[in-house]
């Protein structure tokens, strides 16, 4: 949506926005939205902030996957860090998963001077937060979380019941369940790449909660 064009304070000022509601059979209804603006005060320079909230429903493997078994090497902090090199681990889907949600906030600027043919530079800042992230913790993380007091994780651990094998009042671990879980809020450190404006062989790298910059010199650009 253009808000201004060829005015004294701006060559252009555009606003874009959208909202979407989706009702997932696996996780219920969720709302996604985005809003952004692009401000170009002069021909050579443009900048603008963007924000969006998106959702991702649990995939079929994470919500309905049949049980499978594997072995994992773990240590047991309840039994003086006793090790087990081939602990039985059972993986399966979780029908109670909630949809993942992510909030993304960005601001960027592009400078492409008319007096320097083929040159362009861009700077972007990204802040991405993920809520209800869907992951498998892994057997060792389940055990460590139980040790820290997470009762729901303790319910995923199966121990031997023969008193003659007890150490510190507990039997050895015989199996650990490792289902898909909503693990809470995370800020993943990730990067993507794209060429700057005026296509270049150099790509700008973007990281969560970090600025990035890219510069395209005439010898690197296609004209």
N, C-alpha and C. Protein backbone atom coordinates (compact mmCIF):
# COMPACT_ATOMS: atom_id res chain seq x y z
N UNK A 1 0.84 -1.19 0.00
CA UNK A 1 0.00 0.00 0.00
C UNK A 1 0.89 1.25 0.00
N UNK A 2 0.87 2.04 -1.08
CA UNK A 2 1.68 3.26 -1.11
C UNK A 2 1.09 4.34 -0.20
N UNK A 3 1.92 4.89 0.65
CA UNK A 3 1.50 5.99 1.53
C UNK A 3 1.97 7.33 1.02
N UNK A 4 3.07 7.33 0.28
CA UNK A 4 3.59 8.59 -0.28
C UNK A 4 4.44 8.27 -1.50
N UNK A 5 4.45 9.20 -2.46
CA UNK A 5 5.26 9.02 -3.66
C UNK A 5 5.62 10.38 -4.23
N UNK A 6 6.92 10.55 -4.51
CA UNK A 6 7.45 11.79 -5.09
C UNK A 6 7.03 13.01 -4.27
N UNK A 7 7.20 12.88 -2.94
CA UNK A 7 6.92 14.01 -2.05
C UNK A 7 8.24 14.66 -1.66
N UNK A 8 8.16 15.80 -1.00
CA UNK A 8 9.37 16.50 -0.60
C UNK A 8 10.17 15.71 0.44
N UNK A 9 9.49 14.89 1.25
CA UNK A 9 10.17 14.14 2.30
C UNK A 9 10.48 12.70 1.91
N UNK A 10 9.99 12.25 0.75
CA UNK A 10 10.22 10.86 0.36
C UNK A 10 9.97 10.65 -1.12
N UNK A 11 10.86 9.85 -1.72
CA UNK A 11 10.57 9.36 -3.06
C UNK A 11 9.40 8.40 -3.02
N UNK A 12 9.39 7.55 -1.97
CA UNK A 12 8.28 6.63 -1.79
C UNK A 12 8.23 6.15 -0.34
N UNK A 13 7.04 5.81 0.08
CA UNK A 13 6.82 5.23 1.40
C UNK A 13 5.69 4.22 1.24
N UNK A 14 6.01 2.94 1.43
CA UNK A 14 5.05 1.86 1.23
C UNK A 14 4.84 1.07 2.51
N UNK A 15 3.61 0.62 2.70
CA UNK A 15 3.25 -0.22 3.84
C UNK A 15 2.63 -1.50 3.33
N UNK A 16 3.03 -2.65 3.91
CA UNK A 16 2.38 -3.90 3.55
C UNK A 16 2.03 -4.65 4.82
N UNK A 17 0.87 -5.30 4.81
CA UNK A 17 0.40 -6.02 5.99
C UNK A 17 -0.52 -7.16 5.56
N UNK A 18 -0.57 -8.20 6.37
CA UNK A 18 -1.44 -9.34 6.09
C UNK A 18 -1.71 -10.09 7.39
N UNK A 19 -2.84 -10.79 7.43
CA UNK A 19 -3.19 -11.61 8.58
C UNK A 19 -3.86 -12.88 8.08
N UNK A 20 -3.61 -13.99 8.77
CA UNK A 20 -4.17 -15.27 8.34
C UNK A 20 -4.54 -16.10 9.57
N UNK A 21 -5.69 -16.76 9.49
CA UNK A 21 -6.10 -17.68 10.54
C UNK A 21 -6.16 -19.09 9.96
N UNK A 22 -5.59 -20.05 10.67
CA UNK A 22 -5.60 -21.44 10.21
C UNK A 22 -6.03 -22.34 11.36
N UNK A 23 -6.83 -23.33 11.04
CA UNK A 23 -7.31 -24.29 12.03
C UNK A 23 -6.74 -25.65 11.69
N UNK A 24 -5.71 -26.08 12.45
CA UNK A 24 -5.04 -27.34 12.19
C UNK A 24 -5.73 -28.47 12.94
N UNK A 25 -5.90 -29.59 12.27
CA UNK A 25 -6.55 -30.73 12.91
C UNK A 25 -5.71 -31.29 14.06
N UNK A 26 -4.41 -31.08 14.00
CA UNK A 26 -3.52 -31.63 15.02
C UNK A 26 -3.30 -30.71 16.20
N UNK A 27 -3.43 -29.38 16.01
CA UNK A 27 -3.07 -28.47 17.10
C UNK A 27 -4.04 -27.31 17.30
N UNK A 28 -5.14 -27.26 16.54
CA UNK A 28 -6.13 -26.21 16.76
C UNK A 28 -5.88 -24.96 15.95
N UNK A 29 -6.60 -23.89 16.28
CA UNK A 29 -6.54 -22.65 15.52
C UNK A 29 -5.39 -21.75 15.93
N UNK A 30 -4.74 -21.13 14.95
CA UNK A 30 -3.64 -20.21 15.20
C UNK A 30 -3.75 -19.04 14.21
N UNK A 31 -3.24 -17.89 14.62
CA UNK A 31 -3.27 -16.68 13.80
C UNK A 31 -1.85 -16.26 13.45
N UNK A 32 -1.61 -15.98 12.18
CA UNK A 32 -0.32 -15.48 11.71
C UNK A 32 -0.52 -14.08 11.13
N UNK A 33 0.50 -13.24 11.24
CA UNK A 33 0.39 -11.89 10.69
C UNK A 33 1.77 -11.38 10.29
N UNK A 34 1.78 -10.34 9.47
CA UNK A 34 3.02 -9.67 9.14
C UNK A 34 2.73 -8.21 8.81
N UNK A 35 3.70 -7.37 9.06
CA UNK A 35 3.58 -5.94 8.74
C UNK A 35 4.97 -5.40 8.44
N UNK A 36 5.07 -4.51 7.50
CA UNK A 36 6.37 -3.95 7.14
C UNK A 36 6.21 -2.64 6.40
N UNK A 37 7.30 -1.92 6.31
CA UNK A 37 7.30 -0.64 5.61
C UNK A 37 8.63 -0.47 4.89
N UNK A 38 8.60 0.22 3.77
CA UNK A 38 9.81 0.56 3.02
C UNK A 38 9.80 2.06 2.77
N UNK A 39 10.84 2.73 3.27
CA UNK A 39 10.96 4.18 3.15
C UNK A 39 12.14 4.50 2.26
N UNK A 40 11.89 5.25 1.18
CA UNK A 40 12.94 5.64 0.25
C UNK A 40 12.99 7.17 0.18
N UNK A 41 13.88 7.78 0.98
CA UNK A 41 13.94 9.25 0.97
C UNK A 41 14.56 9.82 -0.29
N UNK A 42 15.51 9.06 -0.89
CA UNK A 42 16.16 9.48 -2.14
C UNK A 42 16.27 8.25 -3.03
N UNK A 43 16.63 8.48 -4.28
CA UNK A 43 16.71 7.36 -5.23
C UNK A 43 17.73 6.31 -4.82
N UNK A 44 18.81 6.74 -4.16
CA UNK A 44 19.93 5.85 -3.89
C UNK A 44 19.79 5.05 -2.60
N UNK A 45 18.81 5.34 -1.78
CA UNK A 45 18.77 4.74 -0.43
C UNK A 45 17.35 4.34 -0.06
N UNK A 46 17.21 3.17 0.57
CA UNK A 46 15.91 2.70 1.05
C UNK A 46 16.12 1.93 2.34
N UNK A 47 15.15 2.00 3.25
CA UNK A 47 15.24 1.26 4.50
C UNK A 47 13.83 0.96 5.00
N UNK A 48 13.75 0.10 6.00
CA UNK A 48 12.44 -0.18 6.57
C UNK A 48 12.45 -1.33 7.55
N UNK A 49 11.53 -1.28 8.53
CA UNK A 49 11.38 -2.38 9.48
C UNK A 49 10.32 -3.37 9.01
N UNK A 50 10.43 -4.62 9.51
CA UNK A 50 9.43 -5.64 9.22
C UNK A 50 9.24 -6.49 10.47
N UNK A 51 8.01 -6.93 10.67
CA UNK A 51 7.71 -7.84 11.79
C UNK A 51 6.70 -8.86 11.30
N UNK A 52 6.82 -10.09 11.81
CA UNK A 52 5.86 -11.11 11.44
C UNK A 52 5.80 -12.19 12.52
N UNK A 53 4.64 -12.79 12.64
CA UNK A 53 4.44 -13.94 13.52
C UNK A 53 3.90 -15.07 12.67
N UNK A 54 4.59 -16.20 12.68
CA UNK A 54 4.20 -17.34 11.85
C UNK A 54 4.03 -18.59 12.71
N UNK A 55 3.33 -19.56 12.16
CA UNK A 55 3.09 -20.82 12.88
C UNK A 55 3.40 -21.99 11.97
N UNK A 56 3.71 -23.12 12.59
CA UNK A 56 3.95 -24.36 11.85
C UNK A 56 3.30 -25.49 12.63
N UNK A 57 2.31 -26.13 12.03
CA UNK A 57 1.64 -27.25 12.69
C UNK A 57 2.58 -28.44 12.79
N UNK A 58 2.40 -29.28 13.80
CA UNK A 58 3.22 -30.49 13.90
C UNK A 58 3.09 -31.34 12.64
N UNK A 59 4.21 -31.82 12.14
CA UNK A 59 4.19 -32.68 10.96
C UNK A 59 3.69 -34.07 11.34
N UNK A 60 3.34 -34.83 10.34
CA UNK A 60 2.83 -36.17 10.61
C UNK A 60 3.82 -37.04 11.39
N UNK A 61 5.13 -37.04 11.04
CA UNK A 61 6.06 -37.87 11.82
C UNK A 61 6.13 -37.47 13.29
N UNK A 62 6.08 -36.15 13.59
CA UNK A 62 6.22 -35.72 14.98
C UNK A 62 4.97 -35.97 15.80
N UNK A 63 3.79 -36.08 15.16
CA UNK A 63 2.56 -36.26 15.92
C UNK A 63 2.02 -37.69 15.86
N UNK A 64 2.32 -38.43 14.79
CA UNK A 64 1.71 -39.75 14.64
C UNK A 64 2.71 -40.87 14.39
N UNK A 65 3.99 -40.56 14.46
CA UNK A 65 5.02 -41.55 14.15
C UNK A 65 4.91 -42.79 15.04
N UNK A 66 4.99 -43.94 14.43
CA UNK A 66 4.95 -45.19 15.19
C UNK A 66 6.24 -45.35 15.99
N UNK A 67 6.17 -46.16 17.03
CA UNK A 67 7.33 -46.35 17.91
C UNK A 67 8.46 -47.05 17.17
N UNK A 68 9.68 -46.57 17.42
CA UNK A 68 10.88 -47.21 16.90
C UNK A 68 11.92 -47.27 18.01
N UNK A 69 12.87 -48.18 17.88
CA UNK A 69 13.85 -48.37 18.94
C UNK A 69 15.26 -48.16 18.42
N UNK A 70 16.13 -47.66 19.30
CA UNK A 70 17.54 -47.50 18.98
C UNK A 70 18.31 -47.60 20.29
N UNK A 71 19.64 -47.47 20.20
CA UNK A 71 20.47 -47.52 21.38
C UNK A 71 21.27 -46.24 21.51
N UNK A 72 21.50 -45.81 22.74
CA UNK A 72 22.24 -44.57 22.99
C UNK A 72 23.18 -44.76 24.16
N UNK A 73 24.30 -44.07 24.12
CA UNK A 73 25.26 -44.08 25.23
C UNK A 73 24.89 -42.95 26.19
N UNK A 74 24.71 -43.27 27.46
CA UNK A 74 24.29 -42.28 28.46
C UNK A 74 25.06 -42.49 29.75
N UNK A 75 25.02 -41.47 30.60
CA UNK A 75 25.49 -41.60 31.98
C UNK A 75 24.34 -41.24 32.90
N UNK A 76 24.32 -41.86 34.08
CA UNK A 76 23.20 -41.72 35.01
C UNK A 76 23.64 -40.93 36.24
N UNK A 77 23.27 -39.64 36.34
CA UNK A 77 23.70 -38.84 37.50
C UNK A 77 23.09 -39.31 38.81
N UNK A 78 22.01 -40.09 38.74
CA UNK A 78 21.41 -40.62 39.97
C UNK A 78 22.25 -41.76 40.56
N UNK A 79 23.11 -42.36 39.74
CA UNK A 79 23.91 -43.51 40.17
C UNK A 79 25.40 -43.22 39.96
N UNK A 80 25.82 -42.04 40.46
CA UNK A 80 27.23 -41.65 40.43
C UNK A 80 27.80 -41.64 39.01
N UNK A 81 26.97 -41.17 38.06
CA UNK A 81 27.36 -41.06 36.66
C UNK A 81 27.76 -42.40 36.04
N UNK A 82 27.07 -43.44 36.47
CA UNK A 82 27.26 -44.76 35.86
C UNK A 82 26.94 -44.68 34.37
N UNK A 83 27.76 -45.32 33.54
CA UNK A 83 27.57 -45.24 32.09
C UNK A 83 26.90 -46.49 31.55
N UNK A 84 26.17 -46.28 30.46
CA UNK A 84 25.55 -47.38 29.72
C UNK A 84 25.77 -47.09 28.25
N UNK A 85 26.53 -47.94 27.59
CA UNK A 85 26.92 -47.67 26.20
C UNK A 85 25.84 -48.02 25.19
N UNK A 86 24.82 -48.74 25.58
CA UNK A 86 23.79 -49.16 24.61
C UNK A 86 22.41 -49.19 25.26
N UNK A 87 21.99 -48.07 25.82
CA UNK A 87 20.69 -47.99 26.47
C UNK A 87 19.57 -48.03 25.44
N UNK A 88 18.54 -48.82 25.71
CA UNK A 88 17.38 -48.88 24.82
C UNK A 88 16.63 -47.55 24.86
N UNK A 89 16.43 -46.95 23.68
CA UNK A 89 15.71 -45.68 23.56
C UNK A 89 14.55 -45.87 22.60
N UNK A 90 13.35 -45.44 23.02
CA UNK A 90 12.15 -45.61 22.20
C UNK A 90 11.65 -44.26 21.72
N UNK A 91 11.53 -44.08 20.42
CA UNK A 91 11.07 -42.83 19.82
C UNK A 91 9.67 -43.02 19.25
N UNK A 92 8.82 -41.99 19.41
CA UNK A 92 7.46 -42.08 18.88
C UNK A 92 6.86 -40.68 18.80
N UNK A 93 5.74 -40.57 18.05
CA UNK A 93 5.06 -39.29 17.90
C UNK A 93 4.28 -38.90 19.14
N UNK A 94 3.80 -37.65 19.13
CA UNK A 94 3.06 -37.10 20.27
C UNK A 94 1.84 -36.35 19.75
N UNK A 95 0.66 -36.91 19.96
CA UNK A 95 -0.58 -36.30 19.43
C UNK A 95 -0.98 -35.03 20.17
N UNK A 96 -0.31 -34.71 21.30
CA UNK A 96 -0.67 -33.53 22.08
C UNK A 96 0.22 -32.32 21.77
N UNK A 97 1.00 -32.40 20.72
CA UNK A 97 1.89 -31.30 20.36
C UNK A 97 1.11 -30.05 19.98
N UNK A 98 1.65 -28.89 20.36
CA UNK A 98 1.10 -27.60 19.95
C UNK A 98 1.87 -27.11 18.72
N UNK A 99 1.26 -26.19 18.00
CA UNK A 99 1.93 -25.62 16.82
C UNK A 99 3.13 -24.78 17.25
N UNK A 100 4.21 -24.86 16.46
CA UNK A 100 5.34 -23.96 16.69
C UNK A 100 4.95 -22.54 16.31
N UNK A 101 5.48 -21.57 17.03
CA UNK A 101 5.23 -20.17 16.71
C UNK A 101 6.57 -19.43 16.69
N UNK A 102 6.73 -18.55 15.72
CA UNK A 102 7.95 -17.76 15.65
C UNK A 102 7.62 -16.29 15.43
N UNK A 103 8.35 -15.43 16.12
CA UNK A 103 8.23 -13.98 15.96
C UNK A 103 9.54 -13.47 15.36
N UNK A 104 9.43 -12.76 14.25
CA UNK A 104 10.61 -12.26 13.56
C UNK A 104 10.53 -10.75 13.43
N UNK A 105 11.59 -10.08 13.84
CA UNK A 105 11.68 -8.63 13.71
C UNK A 105 12.96 -8.30 12.94
N UNK A 106 12.82 -7.50 11.89
CA UNK A 106 13.97 -7.15 11.08
C UNK A 106 13.94 -5.67 10.73
N UNK A 107 15.12 -5.14 10.50
CA UNK A 107 15.23 -3.79 9.95
C UNK A 107 16.45 -3.78 9.04
N UNK A 108 16.33 -3.13 7.92
CA UNK A 108 17.43 -3.15 6.96
C UNK A 108 17.50 -1.89 6.14
N UNK A 109 18.62 -1.73 5.47
CA UNK A 109 18.83 -0.57 4.61
C UNK A 109 19.66 -1.00 3.41
N UNK A 110 19.39 -0.37 2.27
CA UNK A 110 20.11 -0.65 1.03
C UNK A 110 20.59 0.67 0.44
N UNK A 111 21.87 0.71 0.08
CA UNK A 111 22.44 1.90 -0.55
C UNK A 111 23.00 1.50 -1.90
N UNK A 112 22.48 2.12 -2.96
CA UNK A 112 22.89 1.82 -4.33
C UNK A 112 23.11 3.15 -5.05
N UNK A 113 24.30 3.73 -4.91
CA UNK A 113 24.54 5.09 -5.43
C UNK A 113 24.51 5.15 -6.96
N UNK A 114 23.82 6.15 -7.45
CA UNK A 114 23.73 6.34 -8.90
C UNK A 114 25.06 6.80 -9.48
N UNK A 115 25.91 7.40 -8.61
CA UNK A 115 27.19 7.92 -9.10
C UNK A 115 28.28 6.85 -9.16
N UNK A 116 27.97 5.63 -8.65
CA UNK A 116 28.96 4.54 -8.65
C UNK A 116 28.27 3.33 -9.27
N UNK A 117 28.31 3.24 -10.59
CA UNK A 117 27.58 2.22 -11.31
C UNK A 117 27.99 0.82 -10.88
N UNK A 118 27.01 -0.02 -10.54
CA UNK A 118 27.27 -1.41 -10.20
C UNK A 118 27.54 -1.67 -8.74
N UNK A 119 27.64 -0.62 -7.91
CA UNK A 119 27.91 -0.80 -6.49
C UNK A 119 26.60 -0.84 -5.71
N UNK A 120 26.54 -1.73 -4.71
CA UNK A 120 25.41 -1.73 -3.78
C UNK A 120 25.86 -2.25 -2.43
N UNK A 121 25.25 -1.76 -1.38
CA UNK A 121 25.55 -2.22 -0.03
C UNK A 121 24.27 -2.36 0.77
N UNK A 122 24.21 -3.37 1.63
CA UNK A 122 23.02 -3.57 2.44
C UNK A 122 23.40 -3.97 3.85
N UNK A 123 22.57 -3.57 4.81
CA UNK A 123 22.75 -3.92 6.21
C UNK A 123 21.40 -4.39 6.74
N UNK A 124 21.37 -5.53 7.44
CA UNK A 124 20.14 -6.08 7.99
C UNK A 124 20.36 -6.50 9.44
N UNK A 125 19.35 -6.30 10.26
CA UNK A 125 19.37 -6.81 11.63
C UNK A 125 18.17 -7.72 11.83
N UNK A 126 18.42 -8.92 12.37
CA UNK A 126 17.37 -9.91 12.56
C UNK A 126 17.25 -10.30 14.03
N UNK A 127 16.04 -10.48 14.49
CA UNK A 127 15.76 -11.01 15.83
C UNK A 127 14.64 -12.03 15.68
N UNK A 128 14.96 -13.31 15.88
CA UNK A 128 13.99 -14.39 15.68
C UNK A 128 13.84 -15.19 16.96
N UNK A 129 12.61 -15.34 17.42
CA UNK A 129 12.32 -16.15 18.61
C UNK A 129 11.30 -17.22 18.25
N UNK A 130 11.55 -18.45 18.68
CA UNK A 130 10.66 -19.58 18.40
C UNK A 130 10.04 -20.06 19.71
N UNK A 131 8.70 -20.20 19.72
CA UNK A 131 7.98 -20.71 20.88
C UNK A 131 7.41 -22.09 20.55
N UNK A 132 7.27 -22.91 21.56
CA UNK A 132 6.73 -24.27 21.39
C UNK A 132 7.51 -25.06 20.35
N UNK A 133 8.82 -24.88 20.32
CA UNK A 133 9.64 -25.59 19.34
C UNK A 133 9.46 -27.10 19.49
N UNK A 134 9.31 -27.79 18.36
CA UNK A 134 9.09 -29.24 18.36
C UNK A 134 10.41 -29.95 18.13
N UNK A 135 10.84 -30.71 19.13
CA UNK A 135 12.11 -31.42 19.04
C UNK A 135 12.03 -32.71 19.84
N UNK A 136 12.98 -33.58 19.58
CA UNK A 136 13.24 -34.71 20.46
C UNK A 136 14.43 -34.35 21.33
N UNK A 137 14.31 -34.54 22.62
CA UNK A 137 15.37 -34.12 23.53
C UNK A 137 16.59 -35.03 23.46
N UNK A 138 16.39 -36.31 23.26
CA UNK A 138 17.47 -37.27 23.35
C UNK A 138 17.53 -37.88 24.74
N UNK A 139 18.02 -39.11 24.82
CA UNK A 139 17.99 -39.86 26.08
C UNK A 139 18.75 -39.14 27.19
N UNK A 140 19.97 -38.65 26.89
CA UNK A 140 20.76 -38.00 27.94
C UNK A 140 20.10 -36.74 28.46
N UNK A 141 19.49 -35.95 27.56
CA UNK A 141 18.80 -34.73 27.99
C UNK A 141 17.59 -35.06 28.86
N UNK A 142 16.90 -36.14 28.55
CA UNK A 142 15.77 -36.57 29.37
C UNK A 142 16.25 -36.90 30.78
N UNK A 143 17.34 -37.66 30.88
CA UNK A 143 17.88 -38.05 32.19
C UNK A 143 18.35 -36.82 32.96
N UNK A 144 19.08 -35.92 32.28
CA UNK A 144 19.58 -34.72 32.95
C UNK A 144 18.44 -33.82 33.42
N UNK A 145 17.39 -33.70 32.59
CA UNK A 145 16.24 -32.89 32.97
C UNK A 145 15.53 -33.45 34.18
N UNK A 146 15.43 -34.76 34.26
CA UNK A 146 14.83 -35.41 35.43
C UNK A 146 15.65 -35.09 36.67
N UNK A 147 16.97 -35.15 36.56
CA UNK A 147 17.85 -34.84 37.69
C UNK A 147 17.65 -33.41 38.17
N UNK A 148 17.32 -32.52 37.25
CA UNK A 148 17.11 -31.11 37.61
C UNK A 148 15.71 -30.85 38.15
N UNK A 149 14.85 -31.88 38.18
CA UNK A 149 13.55 -31.74 38.81
C UNK A 149 12.36 -31.71 37.89
N UNK A 150 12.55 -32.01 36.61
CA UNK A 150 11.43 -32.02 35.66
C UNK A 150 10.69 -33.35 35.78
N UNK A 151 9.61 -33.37 36.55
CA UNK A 151 8.89 -34.62 36.83
C UNK A 151 8.36 -35.28 35.58
N UNK A 152 7.93 -34.48 34.59
CA UNK A 152 7.39 -35.07 33.37
C UNK A 152 8.46 -35.85 32.61
N UNK A 153 9.72 -35.45 32.74
CA UNK A 153 10.80 -36.19 32.09
C UNK A 153 11.15 -37.46 32.87
N UNK A 154 11.01 -37.40 34.19
CA UNK A 154 11.27 -38.60 35.00
C UNK A 154 10.31 -39.73 34.61
N UNK A 155 9.10 -39.35 34.17
CA UNK A 155 8.12 -40.36 33.76
C UNK A 155 8.51 -41.09 32.48
N UNK A 156 9.53 -40.57 31.79
CA UNK A 156 9.98 -41.20 30.56
C UNK A 156 11.12 -42.19 30.79
N UNK A 157 11.55 -42.33 32.04
CA UNK A 157 12.70 -43.18 32.38
C UNK A 157 12.21 -44.45 33.08
N UNK A 158 12.70 -45.60 32.62
CA UNK A 158 12.33 -46.89 33.20
C UNK A 158 13.56 -47.51 33.86
N UNK A 159 13.40 -47.95 35.11
CA UNK A 159 14.53 -48.48 35.87
C UNK A 159 14.24 -49.92 36.34
N UNK A 160 15.32 -50.64 36.58
CA UNK A 160 15.20 -51.97 37.14
C UNK A 160 14.68 -51.90 38.57
N UNK A 161 13.96 -52.94 38.99
CA UNK A 161 13.31 -52.96 40.30
C UNK A 161 13.94 -53.94 41.28
N UNK A 162 15.03 -54.58 40.89
CA UNK A 162 15.70 -55.53 41.78
C UNK A 162 16.51 -54.75 42.82
N UNK A 163 16.13 -54.81 44.11
CA UNK A 163 16.84 -54.03 45.14
C UNK A 163 18.33 -54.33 45.21
N UNK A 164 18.73 -55.52 44.79
CA UNK A 164 20.15 -55.86 44.87
C UNK A 164 21.00 -55.05 43.88
N UNK A 165 20.36 -54.41 42.92
CA UNK A 165 21.10 -53.62 41.92
C UNK A 165 21.05 -52.13 42.22
N UNK A 166 20.39 -51.74 43.33
CA UNK A 166 20.21 -50.31 43.62
C UNK A 166 21.53 -49.64 43.98
N UNK A 167 21.69 -48.43 43.50
CA UNK A 167 22.75 -47.51 43.93
C UNK A 167 22.08 -46.18 44.26
N UNK A 168 22.36 -45.65 45.43
CA UNK A 168 21.70 -44.42 45.88
C UNK A 168 20.19 -44.54 45.88
N UNK A 169 19.72 -45.77 46.11
CA UNK A 169 18.28 -45.99 46.24
C UNK A 169 17.54 -46.17 44.94
N UNK A 170 18.21 -46.22 43.79
CA UNK A 170 17.52 -46.39 42.51
C UNK A 170 18.18 -47.49 41.70
N UNK A 171 17.38 -48.17 40.89
CA UNK A 171 17.90 -49.22 40.04
C UNK A 171 18.50 -48.67 38.76
N UNK A 172 19.18 -49.50 37.99
CA UNK A 172 19.76 -49.04 36.73
C UNK A 172 18.68 -48.72 35.70
N UNK A 173 18.98 -47.77 34.82
CA UNK A 173 18.05 -47.44 33.75
C UNK A 173 18.04 -48.57 32.73
N UNK A 174 16.84 -49.01 32.36
CA UNK A 174 16.72 -50.07 31.35
C UNK A 174 16.17 -49.55 30.03
N UNK A 175 15.50 -48.40 30.06
CA UNK A 175 14.97 -47.82 28.82
C UNK A 175 14.59 -46.36 29.07
N UNK A 176 14.61 -45.59 28.01
CA UNK A 176 14.17 -44.18 28.05
C UNK A 176 13.28 -43.93 26.85
N UNK A 177 12.11 -43.33 27.09
CA UNK A 177 11.25 -42.90 26.00
C UNK A 177 11.72 -41.53 25.51
N UNK A 178 11.72 -41.34 24.19
CA UNK A 178 12.21 -40.10 23.59
C UNK A 178 11.19 -39.58 22.56
N UNK A 179 10.01 -39.14 23.02
CA UNK A 179 8.98 -38.66 22.08
C UNK A 179 9.28 -37.25 21.59
N UNK A 180 8.58 -36.83 20.56
CA UNK A 180 8.61 -35.43 20.16
C UNK A 180 7.92 -34.60 21.23
N UNK A 181 8.49 -33.42 21.56
CA UNK A 181 7.96 -32.58 22.61
C UNK A 181 7.97 -31.11 22.17
N UNK A 182 7.09 -30.30 22.78
CA UNK A 182 7.23 -28.85 22.70
C UNK A 182 8.23 -28.45 23.78
N UNK A 183 9.41 -28.04 23.37
CA UNK A 183 10.49 -27.83 24.33
C UNK A 183 10.54 -26.40 24.88
N UNK A 184 9.59 -25.55 24.51
CA UNK A 184 9.57 -24.19 25.05
C UNK A 184 10.10 -23.19 24.05
N UNK A 185 10.66 -22.10 24.56
CA UNK A 185 11.13 -21.01 23.72
C UNK A 185 12.62 -21.13 23.46
N UNK A 186 13.02 -20.93 22.22
CA UNK A 186 14.42 -20.97 21.85
C UNK A 186 14.71 -19.83 20.90
N UNK A 187 15.97 -19.42 20.85
CA UNK A 187 16.43 -18.46 19.86
C UNK A 187 17.52 -19.14 19.04
N UNK A 188 17.13 -19.78 17.95
CA UNK A 188 18.13 -20.52 17.17
C UNK A 188 19.15 -19.59 16.54
N UNK A 189 20.41 -20.02 16.51
CA UNK A 189 21.45 -19.30 15.79
C UNK A 189 21.55 -19.93 14.40
N UNK A 190 21.06 -19.23 13.42
CA UNK A 190 21.04 -19.78 12.07
C UNK A 190 21.40 -18.70 11.08
N UNK A 191 21.74 -19.09 9.89
CA UNK A 191 22.08 -18.12 8.87
C UNK A 191 21.55 -18.58 7.52
N UNK A 192 21.21 -17.59 6.71
CA UNK A 192 20.87 -17.85 5.32
C UNK A 192 21.71 -16.91 4.48
N UNK A 193 21.70 -17.07 3.20
CA UNK A 193 22.50 -16.20 2.35
C UNK A 193 21.70 -15.79 1.13
N UNK A 194 22.01 -14.64 0.64
CA UNK A 194 21.42 -14.15 -0.60
C UNK A 194 22.38 -13.14 -1.19
N UNK A 195 22.38 -12.97 -2.53
CA UNK A 195 23.22 -11.94 -3.09
C UNK A 195 22.62 -10.57 -2.81
N UNK A 196 23.45 -9.53 -2.66
CA UNK A 196 22.92 -8.19 -2.49
C UNK A 196 22.27 -7.69 -3.77
N UNK A 197 21.61 -6.57 -3.70
CA UNK A 197 20.99 -5.97 -4.88
C UNK A 197 22.08 -5.70 -5.92
N UNK A 198 21.73 -5.84 -7.20
CA UNK A 198 22.67 -5.83 -8.31
C UNK A 198 23.50 -7.10 -8.20
N UNK A 199 22.93 -8.19 -8.68
CA UNK A 199 23.37 -9.57 -8.41
C UNK A 199 24.88 -9.70 -8.33
N UNK A 200 25.35 -10.35 -7.28
CA UNK A 200 26.77 -10.47 -7.02
C UNK A 200 27.10 -11.90 -6.64
N UNK A 201 28.38 -12.26 -6.80
CA UNK A 201 28.83 -13.57 -6.36
C UNK A 201 29.04 -13.60 -4.85
N UNK A 202 29.06 -12.44 -4.21
CA UNK A 202 29.21 -12.38 -2.75
C UNK A 202 27.83 -12.42 -2.13
N UNK A 203 27.65 -13.23 -1.08
CA UNK A 203 26.36 -13.37 -0.41
C UNK A 203 26.44 -12.79 0.98
N UNK A 204 25.35 -12.13 1.40
CA UNK A 204 25.29 -11.61 2.75
C UNK A 204 24.77 -12.69 3.68
N UNK A 205 25.36 -12.82 4.86
CA UNK A 205 24.97 -13.83 5.83
C UNK A 205 24.16 -13.16 6.92
N UNK A 206 23.04 -13.79 7.30
CA UNK A 206 22.14 -13.24 8.30
C UNK A 206 22.08 -14.18 9.49
N UNK A 207 22.15 -13.65 10.68
CA UNK A 207 22.07 -14.47 11.88
C UNK A 207 21.04 -13.90 12.83
N UNK A 208 20.41 -14.77 13.61
CA UNK A 208 19.40 -14.32 14.55
C UNK A 208 20.03 -13.40 15.60
N UNK A 209 19.34 -12.32 15.90
CA UNK A 209 19.80 -11.34 16.86
C UNK A 209 21.20 -10.85 16.53
N UNK A 210 21.46 -10.60 15.27
CA UNK A 210 22.77 -10.12 14.88
C UNK A 210 22.66 -9.32 13.60
N UNK A 211 23.49 -8.27 13.46
CA UNK A 211 23.47 -7.50 12.22
C UNK A 211 24.26 -8.22 11.14
N UNK A 212 23.96 -7.90 9.90
CA UNK A 212 24.75 -8.42 8.80
C UNK A 212 24.91 -7.32 7.76
N UNK A 213 25.92 -7.45 6.95
CA UNK A 213 26.16 -6.44 5.93
C UNK A 213 26.70 -7.11 4.69
N UNK A 214 26.43 -6.51 3.54
CA UNK A 214 27.00 -7.01 2.30
C UNK A 214 27.33 -5.83 1.41
N UNK A 215 28.42 -5.97 0.67
CA UNK A 215 28.85 -4.92 -0.25
C UNK A 215 29.14 -5.56 -1.59
N UNK A 216 28.68 -4.93 -2.64
CA UNK A 216 28.91 -5.44 -3.99
C UNK A 216 29.73 -4.41 -4.76
N UNK A 217 30.95 -4.80 -5.14
CA UNK A 217 31.80 -3.91 -5.93
C UNK A 217 31.56 -4.15 -7.42
N UNK A 218 31.88 -3.16 -8.22
CA UNK A 218 31.61 -3.26 -9.67
C UNK A 218 32.24 -4.52 -10.29
N UNK A 219 33.44 -4.92 -9.83
CA UNK A 219 34.09 -6.08 -10.43
C UNK A 219 33.40 -7.38 -10.06
N UNK A 220 32.49 -7.34 -9.06
CA UNK A 220 31.80 -8.54 -8.61
C UNK A 220 30.38 -8.61 -9.14
N UNK A 221 29.90 -7.55 -9.76
CA UNK A 221 28.50 -7.46 -10.12
C UNK A 221 28.29 -7.72 -11.60
N UNK A 222 27.06 -8.16 -11.90
CA UNK A 222 26.65 -8.27 -13.30
C UNK A 222 25.92 -7.02 -13.67
N UNK A 223 26.09 -6.54 -14.86
CA UNK A 223 25.43 -5.31 -15.29
C UNK A 223 24.45 -5.58 -16.40
